[in-house]
Protein backbone atom coordinates (compact mmCIF):
# COMPACT_ATOMS: atom_id res chain seq x y z
CA MET A 1 74.46 121.64 180.69
CA THR A 2 73.16 120.36 177.38
CA ALA A 3 74.24 117.10 175.81
CA PRO A 4 75.90 118.29 172.59
CA ARG A 5 78.85 119.42 174.71
CA VAL A 6 80.76 116.13 174.61
CA LEU A 7 82.49 116.27 171.23
CA ALA A 8 84.00 119.65 171.70
CA ALA A 9 85.59 118.90 175.08
CA LEU A 10 87.67 115.93 173.91
CA VAL A 11 89.28 117.80 171.07
CA LEU A 12 90.40 120.76 173.08
CA ALA A 13 92.44 118.98 175.71
CA ALA A 14 94.62 117.29 173.12
CA VAL A 15 95.10 120.52 171.20
CA LEU A 16 95.88 122.80 174.07
CA SER A 17 98.08 120.38 176.00
CA GLY A 18 101.23 122.26 175.09
CA CYS A 19 100.20 125.31 177.07
CA ALA A 20 98.18 124.02 179.99
CA SER A 21 98.15 125.73 183.35
CA SER A 22 97.59 123.98 186.67
CA PRO A 23 94.26 122.13 186.79
CA ALA A 24 91.26 124.06 188.04
CA PRO A 25 88.78 122.50 190.49
CA VAL A 26 85.58 121.32 188.85
CA ALA A 27 82.24 121.22 190.64
CA ASP A 28 79.73 120.23 187.98
CA ARG A 29 81.73 117.79 185.85
CA GLY A 30 84.72 115.50 186.10
CA ASP A 31 88.10 116.12 184.52
CA ARG A 32 88.25 114.69 181.02
CA ALA A 33 90.93 112.25 180.03
CA ALA A 34 92.72 113.15 176.84
CA ALA A 35 90.96 111.90 173.73
CA SER A 36 92.90 108.93 172.47
CA GLY A 37 92.29 105.65 170.73
CA SER A 38 89.40 105.11 168.38
CA ARG A 39 86.42 105.58 170.72
CA TYR A 40 85.27 107.91 173.49
CA THR A 41 82.45 107.62 176.02
CA VAL A 42 80.48 110.84 176.46
CA GLN A 43 80.64 112.27 179.96
CA LYS A 44 78.48 114.78 181.76
CA GLY A 45 79.10 118.28 180.47
CA ASP A 46 80.60 117.23 177.13
CA THR A 47 79.50 118.74 173.83
CA LEU A 48 80.09 117.66 170.26
CA TYR A 49 82.30 120.70 169.75
CA SER A 50 84.43 120.25 172.88
CA ILE A 51 85.09 116.59 172.11
CA ALA A 52 86.05 117.36 168.52
CA TRP A 53 88.37 120.14 169.70
CA ARG A 54 90.24 117.88 172.09
CA ALA A 55 90.49 115.05 169.57
CA GLY A 56 91.81 117.37 166.87
CA LEU A 57 88.83 116.73 164.61
CA ASN A 58 86.51 118.89 162.58
CA TRP A 59 83.20 118.80 164.46
CA LYS A 60 81.43 117.98 161.17
CA THR A 61 83.71 114.97 160.69
CA LEU A 62 82.99 113.76 164.22
CA ALA A 63 79.26 114.12 163.64
CA SER A 64 79.51 112.26 160.34
CA LEU A 65 81.55 109.39 161.80
CA ASN A 66 78.79 108.78 164.32
CA GLY A 67 75.73 109.41 162.18
CA ILE A 68 74.80 112.53 164.14
CA GLY A 69 72.77 115.10 162.24
CA PRO A 70 71.22 118.43 163.21
CA PRO A 71 70.60 119.47 165.95
CA TYR A 72 73.71 117.42 166.93
CA ARG A 73 72.46 115.91 170.18
CA ILE A 74 74.63 113.55 172.20
CA GLN A 75 73.97 111.72 175.46
CA GLN A 76 75.96 110.87 178.54
CA GLY A 77 77.25 107.32 178.22
CA GLN A 78 77.10 107.34 174.43
CA VAL A 79 80.18 105.81 172.78
CA LEU A 80 81.56 107.92 169.94
CA ARG A 81 83.85 106.79 167.16
CA LEU A 82 86.92 109.03 166.80
CA ARG A 83 88.50 107.31 163.83
CA ALA A 84 87.06 106.32 160.48
CA THR A 85 86.80 102.71 159.35
CA PRO A 86 86.94 101.88 155.60
CA SER A 87 83.36 100.60 155.54
CA ARG A 88 81.89 103.52 157.47
CA VAL A 89 83.55 106.62 156.13
CA ARG A 90 81.19 109.51 155.38
CA THR A 91 82.01 112.95 154.08
CA ALA A 92 82.13 115.69 156.69
CA SER A 93 79.90 117.91 154.62
CA ALA A 94 76.94 115.55 154.59
CA PRO A 95 76.09 114.25 158.09
CA VAL A 96 73.00 112.07 158.30
CA GLN A 97 69.85 113.43 159.87
CA SER A 98 69.14 110.65 162.35
CA ALA A 99 69.69 111.21 166.06
CA PRO A 100 72.34 109.08 167.80
CA LYS A 101 71.42 106.14 170.01
CA ALA A 102 72.51 106.21 173.63
CA ALA A 103 75.17 103.65 174.53
CA ALA A 104 73.72 100.57 176.22
CA SER A 105 77.06 99.15 177.36
CA SER A 106 77.24 101.06 180.64
CA SER A 107 74.59 100.34 183.25
CA LYS A 108 75.72 103.34 185.28
CA ALA A 109 75.40 105.88 182.50
CA ARG A 110 72.25 107.96 182.69
CA PRO A 111 70.94 109.73 179.61
CA ALA A 112 71.43 113.45 179.97
CA LYS A 113 68.75 115.93 179.07
CA VAL A 114 69.42 117.11 175.56
CA SER A 115 68.34 120.13 173.58
CA PRO A 116 69.20 121.48 170.13
CA MET A 117 72.50 123.33 169.94
CA PRO A 118 71.96 126.89 168.70
CA THR A 119 73.61 128.03 165.51
CA PRO A 120 75.09 131.45 164.79
CA PRO A 121 72.91 133.85 162.79
CA PRO A 122 73.86 134.20 159.11
CA LEU A 123 76.86 136.44 158.63
CA LYS A 124 76.57 139.61 156.59
CA GLY A 125 79.86 139.60 154.74
CA PRO A 126 83.19 138.02 155.74
CA LEU A 127 84.24 137.57 159.37
CA ARG A 128 86.15 140.49 160.83
CA TRP A 129 88.43 139.45 163.66
CA GLY A 130 89.43 141.45 166.70
CA TRP A 131 91.94 140.80 169.48
CA PRO A 132 90.32 138.96 172.41
CA VAL A 133 92.22 140.79 175.15
CA ARG A 134 94.62 143.69 175.56
CA GLY A 135 98.16 142.61 176.27
CA THR A 136 101.41 141.27 174.90
CA VAL A 137 101.88 138.07 172.91
CA GLU A 138 104.24 136.02 175.08
CA ARG A 139 104.15 132.84 172.98
CA PRO A 140 103.33 132.98 169.27
CA PHE A 141 101.73 130.26 167.19
CA ALA A 142 104.04 127.36 166.25
CA GLY A 143 102.56 124.54 164.22
CA SER A 144 105.38 122.07 164.84
CA GLY A 145 108.67 121.50 166.61
CA ALA A 146 109.69 121.73 170.25
CA ALA A 147 107.91 125.08 170.63
CA LEU A 148 104.59 123.65 169.42
CA ASN A 149 101.77 126.06 170.29
CA LYS A 150 98.46 125.82 168.44
CA GLY A 151 97.41 129.34 169.38
CA LEU A 152 98.63 132.52 171.06
CA ASP A 153 99.49 133.07 174.72
CA ILE A 154 98.62 136.68 175.51
CA GLN A 155 99.83 138.27 178.74
CA GLY A 156 97.37 140.79 180.17
CA ALA A 157 96.43 142.71 183.29
CA PRO A 158 94.74 140.81 186.15
CA GLY A 159 90.99 140.72 185.74
CA SER A 160 91.07 141.94 182.14
CA VAL A 161 87.91 141.19 180.17
CA VAL A 162 88.26 138.52 177.48
CA ARG A 163 86.14 139.38 174.46
CA ALA A 164 84.72 137.48 171.50
CA ALA A 165 87.06 137.79 168.52
CA ALA A 166 84.08 137.70 166.11
CA PRO A 167 80.30 137.19 166.32
CA GLY A 168 79.00 133.69 166.96
CA VAL A 169 77.40 131.44 169.56
CA VAL A 170 78.92 129.87 172.68
CA VAL A 171 79.06 126.09 172.16
CA TYR A 172 81.11 125.24 175.26
CA ALA A 173 81.58 127.05 178.56
CA GLY A 174 83.00 125.12 181.47
CA ALA A 175 85.96 123.96 183.50
CA GLY A 176 85.84 120.24 182.74
CA LEU A 177 89.08 120.08 180.76
CA ARG A 178 92.12 119.46 182.91
CA GLY A 179 94.62 122.31 182.83
CA PHE A 180 92.54 124.93 181.01
CA ALA A 181 90.58 126.46 183.89
CA ALA A 182 87.39 128.14 182.62
CA LEU A 183 87.30 127.43 178.88
CA ILE A 184 85.00 128.95 176.27
CA ILE A 185 84.51 127.81 172.67
CA VAL A 186 82.63 130.01 170.19
CA LYS A 187 81.27 128.78 166.88
CA HIS A 188 81.32 131.54 164.26
CA ASP A 189 79.99 129.56 161.29
CA ASP A 190 80.34 126.04 159.86
CA THR A 191 84.03 126.72 159.20
CA TRP A 192 85.43 128.72 162.12
CA LEU A 193 85.70 128.07 165.88
CA SER A 194 87.61 130.09 168.45
CA ALA A 195 88.70 129.02 171.95
CA TYR A 196 89.63 131.03 175.04
CA ALA A 197 91.43 129.16 177.83
CA HIS A 198 92.93 129.87 181.30
CA ASN A 199 90.09 132.17 182.32
CA ALA A 200 89.41 132.85 185.98
CA GLU A 201 85.69 133.37 185.48
CA SER A 202 83.24 132.74 182.66
CA LEU A 203 80.72 135.49 181.95
CA VAL A 204 78.57 133.61 179.41
CA LYS A 205 76.61 130.38 179.21
CA GLU A 206 76.41 127.77 176.51
CA GLY A 207 73.95 128.65 173.78
CA ALA A 208 74.39 132.40 174.23
CA PRO A 209 74.77 134.40 171.00
CA VAL A 210 77.67 136.85 171.19
CA ALA A 211 78.56 139.91 169.15
CA ALA A 212 82.11 140.79 168.16
CA GLY A 213 83.78 142.27 171.23
CA ALA A 214 81.20 140.85 173.67
CA SER A 215 82.48 140.03 177.17
CA LEU A 216 83.17 136.30 177.56
CA ALA A 217 85.33 135.93 180.66
CA ARG A 218 87.87 137.48 182.99
CA LEU A 219 91.56 136.75 182.55
CA GLY A 220 92.91 134.06 184.83
CA ARG A 221 96.32 132.97 186.05
CA GLY A 222 98.13 130.36 183.97
CA ALA A 223 101.45 128.68 184.64
CA GLN A 224 103.26 131.89 183.68
CA GLY A 225 100.99 134.53 185.16
CA GLN A 226 97.93 136.36 183.90
CA ARG A 227 97.49 135.12 180.37
CA LEU A 228 94.94 134.00 177.82
CA HIS A 229 95.49 131.04 175.54
CA PHE A 230 93.62 131.86 172.32
CA GLU A 231 93.09 129.48 169.39
CA LEU A 232 91.38 129.61 166.01
CA ARG A 233 90.27 126.50 164.10
CA LYS A 234 89.33 126.51 160.42
CA ASP A 235 87.60 123.27 159.40
CA GLY A 236 89.12 121.69 162.51
CA LYS A 237 92.70 122.75 161.77
CA PRO A 238 94.67 125.19 163.96
CA ILE A 239 95.29 128.54 162.26
CA ASP A 240 97.81 131.18 163.34
CA PRO A 241 95.51 133.89 164.77
CA GLN A 242 97.95 136.63 163.79
CA THR A 243 97.28 135.94 160.11
CA VAL A 244 93.70 137.20 160.51
CA LEU A 245 93.85 139.55 163.52
CA PRO A 246 94.41 143.29 163.01
CA LYS A 247 98.06 144.25 162.66
CA GLY A 248 99.68 146.14 165.49
CA GLY A 249 99.18 143.68 168.32
CA ALA A 250 96.67 143.20 171.10
């Protein structure tokens, strides 16, 4: 696993907590605690995008808060700031170019091998979205209230293939987030991310470019049966997928 995976993992757990299934066993990384407070220590398997997702942040904001520029490398044991301070606020659109320094506070933390995170190829025209799996929407998007759901829960047939809703690159693929089983996050451009949770099996690896409709995973069993939890984020904010997906259902 590459180092940039930390940020994305933190964000997702906080965002998807309203629809979590039973925790899946993890072999290559520990379960992540929910992102809370003002700081987070990068763990093995984290990426910038996964941490930002769990913390409810735009990944560009998270990078800017911590002085992380392209290619957005992070290291195990590094302490990341999750909240801005008046004297250190930077705009999300202009992250600095310097690489982050590994945290020296933990003697047990070992720097992880890092490599540049791939970026999606330039898009030719606007994004065209497609449904990620065939099935029935069991729980619609709800941005607030008791029925809070920051995505769609789609009931499907056992073993159904989960597909990329639009072209992009896989920036997180793992089972390190408690309650989401095999989770995949795809970066489509600097604005859009999509997430696919409760999968039984991942069919892609981090860094893999994917075309629209490409196979990502196989549908797993959530708390209410075979279902996919699907989210879209625009500049870090949850968007109702049904406002951009083709009309007529999955």
